[in-house]
Protein backbone atom coordinates (compact mmCIF):
# COMPACT_ATOMS: atom_id res chain seq x y z
CA MET A 1 -21.91 11.41 -9.78
CA ARG A 2 -21.62 7.60 -10.25
CA TYR A 3 -18.28 8.15 -11.93
CA TYR A 4 -16.78 9.63 -8.67
CA ILE A 5 -18.35 6.91 -6.61
CA LEU A 6 -16.66 4.25 -8.83
CA LEU A 7 -13.42 6.20 -8.60
CA ALA A 8 -13.52 6.36 -4.75
CA ALA A 9 -14.46 2.64 -4.57
CA ILE A 10 -11.49 1.63 -6.88
CA ALA A 11 -9.02 3.86 -4.98
CA LEU A 12 -10.06 2.66 -1.69
CA GLY A 13 -10.33 -0.97 -2.64
CA THR A 14 -6.92 -0.78 -4.30
CA TYR A 15 -5.39 0.74 -1.18
CA ALA A 16 -6.90 -1.89 1.04
CA ALA A 17 -5.79 -4.74 -1.00
CA ALA A 18 -2.25 -3.58 -1.58
CA ALA A 19 -1.79 -2.54 2.11
CA LEU A 20 -3.15 -5.84 3.28
CA ALA A 21 -0.96 -7.83 0.97
CA THR A 22 2.07 -5.85 1.98
CA SER A 23 1.18 -6.17 5.72
CA PHE A 24 1.04 -10.00 5.27
CA ALA A 25 4.40 -9.97 3.64
CA VAL A 26 5.95 -7.90 6.37
CA VAL A 27 4.49 -10.13 9.07
CA ARG A 28 5.90 -13.15 7.23
CA SER A 29 9.39 -11.76 7.13
CA SER A 30 9.47 -10.26 10.60
CA GLY A 31 11.18 -13.32 12.08
CA GLY A 32 13.98 -13.26 9.69
CA LEU A 33 14.20 -9.46 9.91
CA ARG A 34 14.51 -9.65 13.67
CA ARG A 35 17.37 -12.05 13.53
CA ARG A 36 19.26 -10.07 10.88
CA ILE A 37 18.97 -6.74 12.70
CA ALA A 38 19.82 -7.92 16.20
CA ALA A 39 23.38 -6.98 15.94
CA ARG A 40 22.89 -3.49 14.65
CA SER A 41 22.78 -0.35 16.55
CA ALA A 42 19.58 1.02 18.09
CA ALA A 43 19.29 3.78 15.55
CA GLU A 44 19.64 1.46 12.67
CA ARG A 45 17.14 -0.97 14.13
CA ALA A 46 14.63 1.87 14.62
CA ARG A 47 15.06 3.05 11.00
CA ILE A 48 14.58 -0.52 9.66
CA LEU A 49 11.57 -1.20 11.81
CA ALA A 50 10.04 2.13 10.94
CA THR A 51 10.50 1.31 7.29
CA ALA A 52 8.85 -1.98 7.72
CA ARG A 53 5.89 -0.36 9.48
CA LEU A 54 5.45 2.33 6.83
CA LEU A 55 5.87 0.01 3.90
CA PRO A 56 2.19 -1.13 3.65
CA ILE A 57 1.09 2.53 3.75
CA ALA A 58 3.36 3.52 0.93
CA VAL A 59 2.68 0.57 -1.24
CA GLY A 60 -1.11 1.05 -0.72
CA ALA A 61 -0.83 4.81 -1.57
CA VAL A 62 1.20 4.24 -4.67
CA SER A 63 -0.92 1.50 -6.10
CA SER A 64 -4.08 3.46 -5.28
CA LEU A 65 -2.74 6.53 -7.12
CA LEU A 66 -1.62 4.40 -10.09
CA LEU A 67 -4.89 2.68 -10.51
CA SER A 68 -6.87 5.75 -9.92
CA SER A 69 -4.88 7.58 -12.69
CA VAL A 70 -5.56 4.69 -15.03
CA PHE A 71 -9.29 4.86 -14.20
CA LEU A 72 -9.34 8.63 -14.82
CA ARG A 73 -7.58 8.23 -18.20
CA TYR A 74 -9.65 5.42 -19.68
CA GLU A 75 -13.06 5.34 -18.05
CA PRO A 76 -15.62 7.44 -19.83
CA ARG A 77 -17.02 10.17 -17.67
CA ASP A 78 -20.63 9.33 -18.65
CA THR A 79 -20.42 5.77 -17.36
CA ILE A 80 -23.63 4.28 -15.98
CA GLU A 81 -22.04 1.05 -14.60
């Protein structure tokens, strides 16, 4: 049972850290992004802004899946950590 608790903790912690770091990066680049997309059409601006909003979720999910797969492959199932 402890194995699955560790897996959940690692997956959720990885997701939180990656999503938070990506969110900070998106916030830091929002000023420059706003200036660069000002002259584009409304549809293009909406697509770019939606991508910027979904980027932290995608990065968090990919990094969580990647680290969880590494945990599943290399951590012994009978761990008592």
